[in-house]
Amino acid sequence: MSDRVYHVDDLHPDGVRIVVNWDDVVVGSSVFIPCVNTTVARSQAQNVAERRKWTIKVTPRVENQLFGVRIWRTT
């Protein structure tokens, strides 16, 4: 049942909880989020960035045969 508890910085674009250790994301680093609903993933990542006063770039892509988004922290 704990899989259904979402925290404010968790992503869940397809209904599956994805935990990112946002404290380890430094300027210039990136993280790949495998998902189908890239529009929701972009929106959720942007919400996290706004709360943390960051600028990010989000691009839909295929990596290792998985569709998803890559999120880069730019500031």
PDB file of N, CA and C in Angstrom:
ATOM      1  N   MET A   1       0.807  -1.199   0.000  1.00  0.00           N
ATOM      2  CA  MET A   1       0.000   0.000   0.000  1.00  0.00           C
ATOM      3  C   MET A   1       0.849   1.263   0.000  1.00  0.00           C
ATOM      4  N   SER A   2       2.079   1.217   0.448  1.00  0.00           N
ATOM      5  CA  SER A   2       2.903   2.419   0.494  1.00  0.00           C
ATOM      6  C   SER A   2       3.235   2.952  -0.892  1.00  0.00           C
ATOM      7  N   ASP A   3       3.060   2.132  -1.946  1.00  0.00           N
ATOM      8  CA  ASP A   3       3.298   2.609  -3.304  1.00  0.00           C
ATOM      9  C   ASP A   3       2.305   3.692  -3.701  1.00  0.00           C
ATOM     10  N   ARG A   4       1.177   3.770  -3.040  1.00  0.00           N
ATOM     11  CA  ARG A   4       0.136   4.741  -3.364  1.00  0.00           C
ATOM     12  C   ARG A   4       0.342   6.080  -2.660  1.00  0.00           C
ATOM     13  N   VAL A   5       1.275   6.163  -1.745  1.00  0.00           N
ATOM     14  CA  VAL A   5       1.528   7.407  -1.026  1.00  0.00           C
ATOM     15  C   VAL A   5       2.538   8.214  -1.816  1.00  0.00           C
ATOM     16  N   TYR A   6       2.071   9.317  -2.391  1.00  0.00           N
ATOM     17  CA  TYR A   6       2.944  10.179  -3.179  1.00  0.00           C
ATOM     18  C   TYR A   6       3.397  11.355  -2.326  1.00  0.00           C
ATOM     19  N   HIS A   7       4.671  11.660  -2.400  1.00  0.00           N
ATOM     20  CA  HIS A   7       5.216  12.826  -1.724  1.00  0.00           C
ATOM     21  C   HIS A   7       5.271  13.972  -2.722  1.00  0.00           C
ATOM     22  N   VAL A   8       5.406  15.171  -2.234  1.00  0.00           N
ATOM     23  CA  VAL A   8       5.284  16.356  -3.081  1.00  0.00           C
ATOM     24  C   VAL A   8       6.296  16.357  -4.241  1.00  0.00           C
ATOM     25  N   ASP A   9       7.485  15.807  -4.067  1.00  0.00           N
ATOM     26  CA  ASP A   9       8.494  15.812  -5.125  1.00  0.00           C
ATOM     27  C   ASP A   9       8.569  14.506  -5.909  1.00  0.00           C
ATOM     28  N   ASP A  10       7.685  13.552  -5.624  1.00  0.00           N
ATOM     29  CA  ASP A  10       7.651  12.318  -6.406  1.00  0.00           C
ATOM     30  C   ASP A  10       6.982  12.581  -7.756  1.00  0.00           C
ATOM     31  N   LEU A  11       7.436  11.882  -8.765  1.00  0.00           N
ATOM     32  CA  LEU A  11       6.787  11.947 -10.076  1.00  0.00           C
ATOM     33  C   LEU A  11       5.922  10.703 -10.232  1.00  0.00           C
ATOM     34  N   HIS A  12       4.829  10.833 -10.938  1.00  0.00           N
ATOM     35  CA  HIS A  12       3.947   9.690 -11.189  1.00  0.00           C
ATOM     36  C   HIS A  12       3.152   9.930 -12.472  1.00  0.00           C
ATOM     37  N   PRO A  13       3.857  10.122 -13.594  1.00  0.00           N
ATOM     38  CA  PRO A  13       3.164  10.462 -14.842  1.00  0.00           C
ATOM     39  C   PRO A  13       2.259   9.368 -15.365  1.00  0.00           C
ATOM     40  N   ASP A  14       2.551   8.125 -15.097  1.00  0.00           N
ATOM     41  CA  ASP A  14       1.727   7.004 -15.566  1.00  0.00           C
ATOM     42  C   ASP A  14       1.024   6.294 -14.417  1.00  0.00           C
ATOM     43  N   GLY A  15       1.004   6.911 -13.234  1.00  0.00           N
ATOM     44  CA  GLY A  15       0.375   6.302 -12.077  1.00  0.00           C
ATOM     45  C   GLY A  15       1.304   5.432 -11.254  1.00  0.00           C
ATOM     46  N   VAL A  16       2.557   5.341 -11.667  1.00  0.00           N
ATOM     47  CA  VAL A  16       3.561   4.571 -10.926  1.00  0.00           C
ATOM     48  C   VAL A  16       4.511   5.570 -10.271  1.00  0.00           C
ATOM     49  N   ARG A  17       4.695   5.439  -8.978  1.00  0.00           N
ATOM     50  CA  ARG A  17       5.536   6.380  -8.220  1.00  0.00           C
ATOM     51  C   ARG A  17       6.994   6.259  -8.640  1.00  0.00           C
ATOM     52  N   ILE A  18       7.604   7.397  -8.981  1.00  0.00           N
ATOM     53  CA  ILE A  18       9.025   7.470  -9.321  1.00  0.00           C
ATOM     54  C   ILE A  18       9.667   8.437  -8.339  1.00  0.00           C
ATOM     55  N   VAL A  19      10.607   7.931  -7.558  1.00  0.00           N
ATOM     56  CA  VAL A  19      11.284   8.752  -6.555  1.00  0.00           C
ATOM     57  C   VAL A  19      12.624   9.198  -7.120  1.00  0.00           C
ATOM     58  N   VAL A  20      12.825  10.491  -7.162  1.00  0.00           N
ATOM     59  CA  VAL A  20      14.092  11.072  -7.605  1.00  0.00           C
ATOM     60  C   VAL A  20      14.721  11.751  -6.400  1.00  0.00           C
ATOM     61  N   ASN A  21      15.988  11.497  -6.164  1.00  0.00           N
ATOM     62  CA  ASN A  21      16.686  12.188  -5.079  1.00  0.00           C
ATOM     63  C   ASN A  21      17.087  13.568  -5.602  1.00  0.00           C
ATOM     64  N   TRP A  22      16.149  14.494  -5.523  1.00  0.00           N
ATOM     65  CA  TRP A  22      16.359  15.823  -6.095  1.00  0.00           C
ATOM     66  C   TRP A  22      17.516  16.564  -5.433  1.00  0.00           C
ATOM     67  N   ASP A  23      17.848  16.232  -4.197  1.00  0.00           N
ATOM     68  CA  ASP A  23      18.966  16.897  -3.518  1.00  0.00           C
ATOM     69  C   ASP A  23      20.302  16.579  -4.190  1.00  0.00           C
ATOM     70  N   ASP A  24      20.390  15.468  -4.916  1.00  0.00           N
ATOM     71  CA  ASP A  24      21.617  15.102  -5.619  1.00  0.00           C
ATOM     72  C   ASP A  24      21.691  15.672  -7.031  1.00  0.00           C
ATOM     73  N   VAL A  25      20.624  16.308  -7.496  1.00  0.00           N
ATOM     74  CA  VAL A  25      20.607  16.865  -8.852  1.00  0.00           C
ATOM     75  C   VAL A  25      21.250  18.247  -8.799  1.00  0.00           C
ATOM     76  N   VAL A  26      22.451  18.346  -9.350  1.00  0.00           N
ATOM     77  CA  VAL A  26      23.199  19.611  -9.352  1.00  0.00           C
ATOM     78  C   VAL A  26      23.106  20.233 -10.743  1.00  0.00           C
ATOM     79  N   VAL A  27      23.464  21.491 -10.842  1.00  0.00           N
ATOM     80  CA  VAL A  27      23.448  22.184 -12.127  1.00  0.00           C
ATOM     81  C   VAL A  27      24.322  21.423 -13.121  1.00  0.00           C
ATOM     82  N   GLY A  28      23.759  21.147 -14.289  1.00  0.00           N
ATOM     83  CA  GLY A  28      24.484  20.425 -15.332  1.00  0.00           C
ATOM     84  C   GLY A  28      24.212  18.927 -15.343  1.00  0.00           C
ATOM     85  N   SER A  29      23.571  18.415 -14.300  1.00  0.00           N
ATOM     86  CA  SER A  29      23.269  16.984 -14.266  1.00  0.00           C
ATOM     87  C   SER A  29      21.884  16.730 -14.846  1.00  0.00           C
ATOM     88  N   SER A  30      21.604  15.461 -15.104  1.00  0.00           N
ATOM     89  CA  SER A  30      20.301  15.108 -15.662  1.00  0.00           C
ATOM     90  C   SER A  30      19.845  13.769 -15.105  1.00  0.00           C
ATOM     91  N   VAL A  31      18.561  13.509 -15.302  1.00  0.00           N
ATOM     92  CA  VAL A  31      17.957  12.253 -14.874  1.00  0.00           C
ATOM     93  C   VAL A  31      16.965  11.828 -15.956  1.00  0.00           C
ATOM     94  N   PHE A  32      16.925  10.526 -16.243  1.00  0.00           N
ATOM     95  CA  PHE A  32      15.984   9.983 -17.213  1.00  0.00           C
ATOM     96  C   PHE A  32      14.820   9.356 -16.472  1.00  0.00           C
ATOM     97  N   ILE A  33      13.612   9.720 -16.868  1.00  0.00           N
ATOM     98  CA  ILE A  33      12.392   9.180 -16.271  1.00  0.00           C
ATOM     99  C   ILE A  33      11.662   8.373 -17.345  1.00  0.00           C
ATOM    100  N   PRO A  34      11.657   7.050 -17.243  1.00  0.00           N
ATOM    101  CA  PRO A  34      10.913   6.255 -18.219  1.00  0.00           C
ATOM    102  C   PRO A  34       9.411   6.412 -17.975  1.00  0.00           C
ATOM    103  N   CYS A  35       8.676   6.756 -19.025  1.00  0.00           N
ATOM    104  CA  CYS A  35       7.229   6.934 -18.895  1.00  0.00           C
ATOM    105  C   CYS A  35       6.600   7.002 -20.284  1.00  0.00           C
ATOM    106  N   VAL A  36       5.308   6.865 -20.331  1.00  0.00           N
ATOM    107  CA  VAL A  36       4.558   7.003 -21.576  1.00  0.00           C
ATOM    108  C   VAL A  36       3.985   8.409 -21.675  1.00  0.00           C
ATOM    109  N   ASN A  37       3.454   8.915 -20.582  1.00  0.00           N
ATOM    110  CA  ASN A  37       2.812  10.222 -20.579  1.00  0.00           C
ATOM    111  C   ASN A  37       3.844  11.315 -20.325  1.00  0.00           C
ATOM    112  N   THR A  38       4.553  11.699 -21.369  1.00  0.00           N
ATOM    113  CA  THR A  38       5.640  12.670 -21.230  1.00  0.00           C
ATOM    114  C   THR A  38       5.134  14.072 -20.909  1.00  0.00           C
ATOM    115  N   THR A  39       3.914  14.380 -21.319  1.00  0.00           N
ATOM    116  CA  THR A  39       3.351  15.699 -21.019  1.00  0.00           C
ATOM    117  C   THR A  39       3.162  15.870 -19.514  1.00  0.00           C
ATOM    118  N   VAL A  40       2.633  14.853 -18.865  1.00  0.00           N
ATOM    119  CA  VAL A  40       2.441  14.908 -17.415  1.00  0.00           C
ATOM    120  C   VAL A  40       3.792  14.885 -16.703  1.00  0.00           C
ATOM    121  N   ALA A  41       4.732  14.096 -17.186  1.00  0.00           N
ATOM    122  CA  ALA A  41       6.067  14.045 -16.584  1.00  0.00           C
ATOM    123  C   ALA A  41       6.731  15.418 -16.645  1.00  0.00           C
ATOM    124  N   ARG A  42       6.609  16.083 -17.788  1.00  0.00           N
ATOM    125  CA  ARG A  42       7.178  17.436 -17.933  1.00  0.00           C
ATOM    126  C   ARG A  42       6.538  18.387 -16.926  1.00  0.00           C
ATOM    127  N   SER A  43       5.228  18.341 -16.806  1.00  0.00           N
ATOM    128  CA  SER A  43       4.509  19.227 -15.893  1.00  0.00           C
ATOM    129  C   SER A  43       4.909  18.971 -14.438  1.00  0.00           C
ATOM    130  N   GLN A  44       4.981  17.708 -14.055  1.00  0.00           N
ATOM    131  CA  GLN A  44       5.355  17.379 -12.682  1.00  0.00           C
ATOM    132  C   GLN A  44       6.793  17.801 -12.376  1.00  0.00           C
ATOM    133  N   ALA A  45       7.699  17.593 -13.327  1.00  0.00           N
ATOM    134  CA  ALA A  45       9.091  18.003 -13.130  1.00  0.00           C
ATOM    135  C   ALA A  45       9.196  19.526 -13.037  1.00  0.00           C
ATOM    136  N   GLN A  46       8.407  20.227 -13.844  1.00  0.00           N
ATOM    137  CA  GLN A  46       8.418  21.688 -13.801  1.00  0.00           C
ATOM    138  C   GLN A  46       7.912  22.190 -12.459  1.00  0.00           C
ATOM    139  N   ASN A  47       6.916  21.521 -11.891  1.00  0.00           N
ATOM    140  CA  ASN A  47       6.412  21.899 -10.564  1.00  0.00           C
ATOM    141  C   ASN A  47       7.491  21.735  -9.499  1.00  0.00           C
ATOM    142  N   VAL A  48       8.247  20.643  -9.570  1.00  0.00           N
ATOM    143  CA  VAL A  48       9.348  20.430  -8.626  1.00  0.00           C
ATOM    144  C   VAL A  48      10.387  21.544  -8.791  1.00  0.00           C
ATOM    145  N   ALA A  49      10.734  21.848 -10.023  1.00  0.00           N
ATOM    146  CA  ALA A  49      11.734  22.886 -10.297  1.00  0.00           C
ATOM    147  C   ALA A  49      11.274  24.248  -9.776  1.00  0.00           C
ATOM    148  N   GLU A  50      10.017  24.569  -9.960  1.00  0.00           N
ATOM    149  CA  GLU A  50       9.503  25.855  -9.478  1.00  0.00           C
ATOM    150  C   GLU A  50       9.569  25.944  -7.959  1.00  0.00           C
ATOM    151  N   ARG A  51       9.232  24.851  -7.279  1.00  0.00           N
ATOM    152  CA  ARG A  51       9.314  24.852  -5.808  1.00  0.00           C
ATOM    153  C   ARG A  51      10.752  25.046  -5.336  1.00  0.00           C
ATOM    154  N   ARG A  52      11.700  24.511  -6.094  1.00  0.00           N
ATOM    155  CA  ARG A  52      13.108  24.608  -5.705  1.00  0.00           C
ATOM    156  C   ARG A  52      13.808  25.821  -6.323  1.00  0.00           C
ATOM    157  N   LYS A  53      13.055  26.613  -7.095  1.00  0.00           N
ATOM    158  CA  LYS A  53      13.585  27.811  -7.770  1.00  0.00           C
ATOM    159  C   LYS A  53      14.718  27.453  -8.738  1.00  0.00           C
ATOM    160  N   TRP A  54      14.525  26.373  -9.489  1.00  0.00           N
ATOM    161  CA  TRP A  54      15.463  25.892 -10.493  1.00  0.00           C
ATOM    162  C   TRP A  54      14.915  26.180 -11.884  1.00  0.00           C
ATOM    163  N   THR A  55      15.806  26.159 -12.853  1.00  0.00           N
ATOM    164  CA  THR A  55      15.436  26.139 -14.256  1.00  0.00           C
ATOM    165  C   THR A  55      15.831  24.768 -14.788  1.00  0.00           C
ATOM    166  N   ILE A  56      14.912  24.138 -15.524  1.00  0.00           N
ATOM    167  CA  ILE A  56      15.191  22.824 -16.078  1.00  0.00           C
ATOM    168  C   ILE A  56      14.839  22.798 -17.558  1.00  0.00           C
ATOM    169  N   LYS A  57      15.381  21.811 -18.238  1.00  0.00           N
ATOM    170  CA  LYS A  57      15.027  21.527 -19.631  1.00  0.00           C
ATOM    171  C   LYS A  57      14.538  20.083 -19.652  1.00  0.00           C
ATOM    172  N   VAL A  58      13.381  19.850 -20.256  1.00  0.00           N
ATOM    173  CA  VAL A  58      12.792  18.514 -20.312  1.00  0.00           C
ATOM    174  C   VAL A  58      12.574  18.152 -21.769  1.00  0.00           C
ATOM    175  N   THR A  59      13.112  16.998 -22.175  1.00  0.00           N
ATOM    176  CA  THR A  59      12.997  16.552 -23.554  1.00  0.00           C
ATOM    177  C   THR A  59      12.524  15.106 -23.608  1.00  0.00           C
ATOM    178  N   PRO A  60      11.443  14.841 -24.371  1.00  0.00           N
ATOM    179  CA  PRO A  60      11.036  13.447 -24.577  1.00  0.00           C
ATOM    180  C   PRO A  60      12.084  12.736 -25.424  1.00  0.00           C
ATOM    181  N   ARG A  61      12.398  11.485 -25.097  1.00  0.00           N
ATOM    182  CA  ARG A  61      13.414  10.741 -25.840  1.00  0.00           C
ATOM    183  C   ARG A  61      13.283   9.248 -25.613  1.00  0.00           C
ATOM    184  N   VAL A  62      14.001   8.501 -26.420  1.00  0.00           N
ATOM    185  CA  VAL A  62      14.106   7.057 -26.269  1.00  0.00           C
ATOM    186  C   VAL A  62      15.541   6.755 -25.868  1.00  0.00           C
ATOM    187  N   GLU A  63      15.702   6.070 -24.750  1.00  0.00           N
ATOM    188  CA  GLU A  63      17.026   5.680 -24.273  1.00  0.00           C
ATOM    189  C   GLU A  63      16.983   4.215 -23.877  1.00  0.00           C
ATOM    190  N   ASN A  64      17.933   3.448 -24.362  1.00  0.00           N
ATOM    191  CA  ASN A  64      17.982   2.006 -24.075  1.00  0.00           C
ATOM    192  C   ASN A  64      16.632   1.333 -24.354  1.00  0.00           C
ATOM    193  N   GLN A  65      16.028   1.734 -25.438  1.00  0.00           N
ATOM    194  CA  GLN A  65      14.744   1.197 -25.902  1.00  0.00           C
ATOM    195  C   GLN A  65      13.582   1.498 -24.954  1.00  0.00           C
ATOM    196  N   LEU A  66      13.725   2.508 -24.120  1.00  0.00           N
ATOM    197  CA  LEU A  66      12.657   2.957 -23.231  1.00  0.00           C
ATOM    198  C   LEU A  66      12.262   4.380 -23.592  1.00  0.00           C
ATOM    199  N   PHE A  67      10.967   4.636 -23.693  1.00  0.00           N
ATOM    200  CA  PHE A  67      10.463   5.979 -23.953  1.00  0.00           C
ATOM    201  C   PHE A  67      10.317   6.712 -22.631  1.00  0.00           C
ATOM    202  N   GLY A  68      10.607   7.993 -22.621  1.00  0.00           N
ATOM    203  CA  GLY A  68      10.475   8.779 -21.404  1.00  0.00           C
ATOM    204  C   GLY A  68      10.945  10.199 -21.616  1.00  0.00           C
ATOM    205  N   VAL A  69      11.349  10.846 -20.539  1.00  0.00           N
ATOM    206  CA  VAL A  69      11.866  12.216 -20.603  1.00  0.00           C
ATOM    207  C   VAL A  69      13.220  12.276 -19.913  1.00  0.00           C
ATOM    208  N   ARG A  70      14.096  13.100 -20.452  1.00  0.00           N
ATOM    209  CA  ARG A  70      15.353  13.418 -19.780  1.00  0.00           C
ATOM    210  C   ARG A  70      15.192  14.834 -19.249  1.00  0.00           C
ATOM    211  N   ILE A  71      15.519  14.996 -17.978  1.00  0.00           N
ATOM    212  CA  ILE A  71      15.404  16.292 -17.294  1.00  0.00           C
ATOM    213  C   ILE A  71      16.800  16.773 -16.957  1.00  0.00           C
ATOM    214  N   TRP A  72      17.165  17.962 -17.471  1.00  0.00           N
ATOM    215  CA  TRP A  72      18.448  18.577 -17.158  1.00  0.00           C
ATOM    216  C   TRP A  72      18.213  19.768 -16.237  1.00  0.00           C
ATOM    217  N   ARG A  73      19.023  19.899 -15.214  1.00  0.00           N
ATOM    218  CA  ARG A  73      18.976  21.094 -14.377  1.00  0.00           C
ATOM    219  C   ARG A  73      19.938  22.101 -14.980  1.00  0.00           C
ATOM    220  N   THR A  74      19.417  23.275 -15.332  1.00  0.00           N
ATOM    221  CA  THR A  74      20.259  24.290 -15.966  1.00  0.00           C
ATOM    222  C   THR A  74      20.672  25.409 -15.007  1.00  0.00           C
ATOM    223  N   THR A  75      19.863  25.668 -13.971  1.00  0.00           N
ATOM    224  CA  THR A  75      20.271  26.636 -12.943  1.00  0.00           C
ATOM    225  C   THR A  75      19.705  26.228 -11.608  1.00  0.00           C
TER     226      THR A  75
END
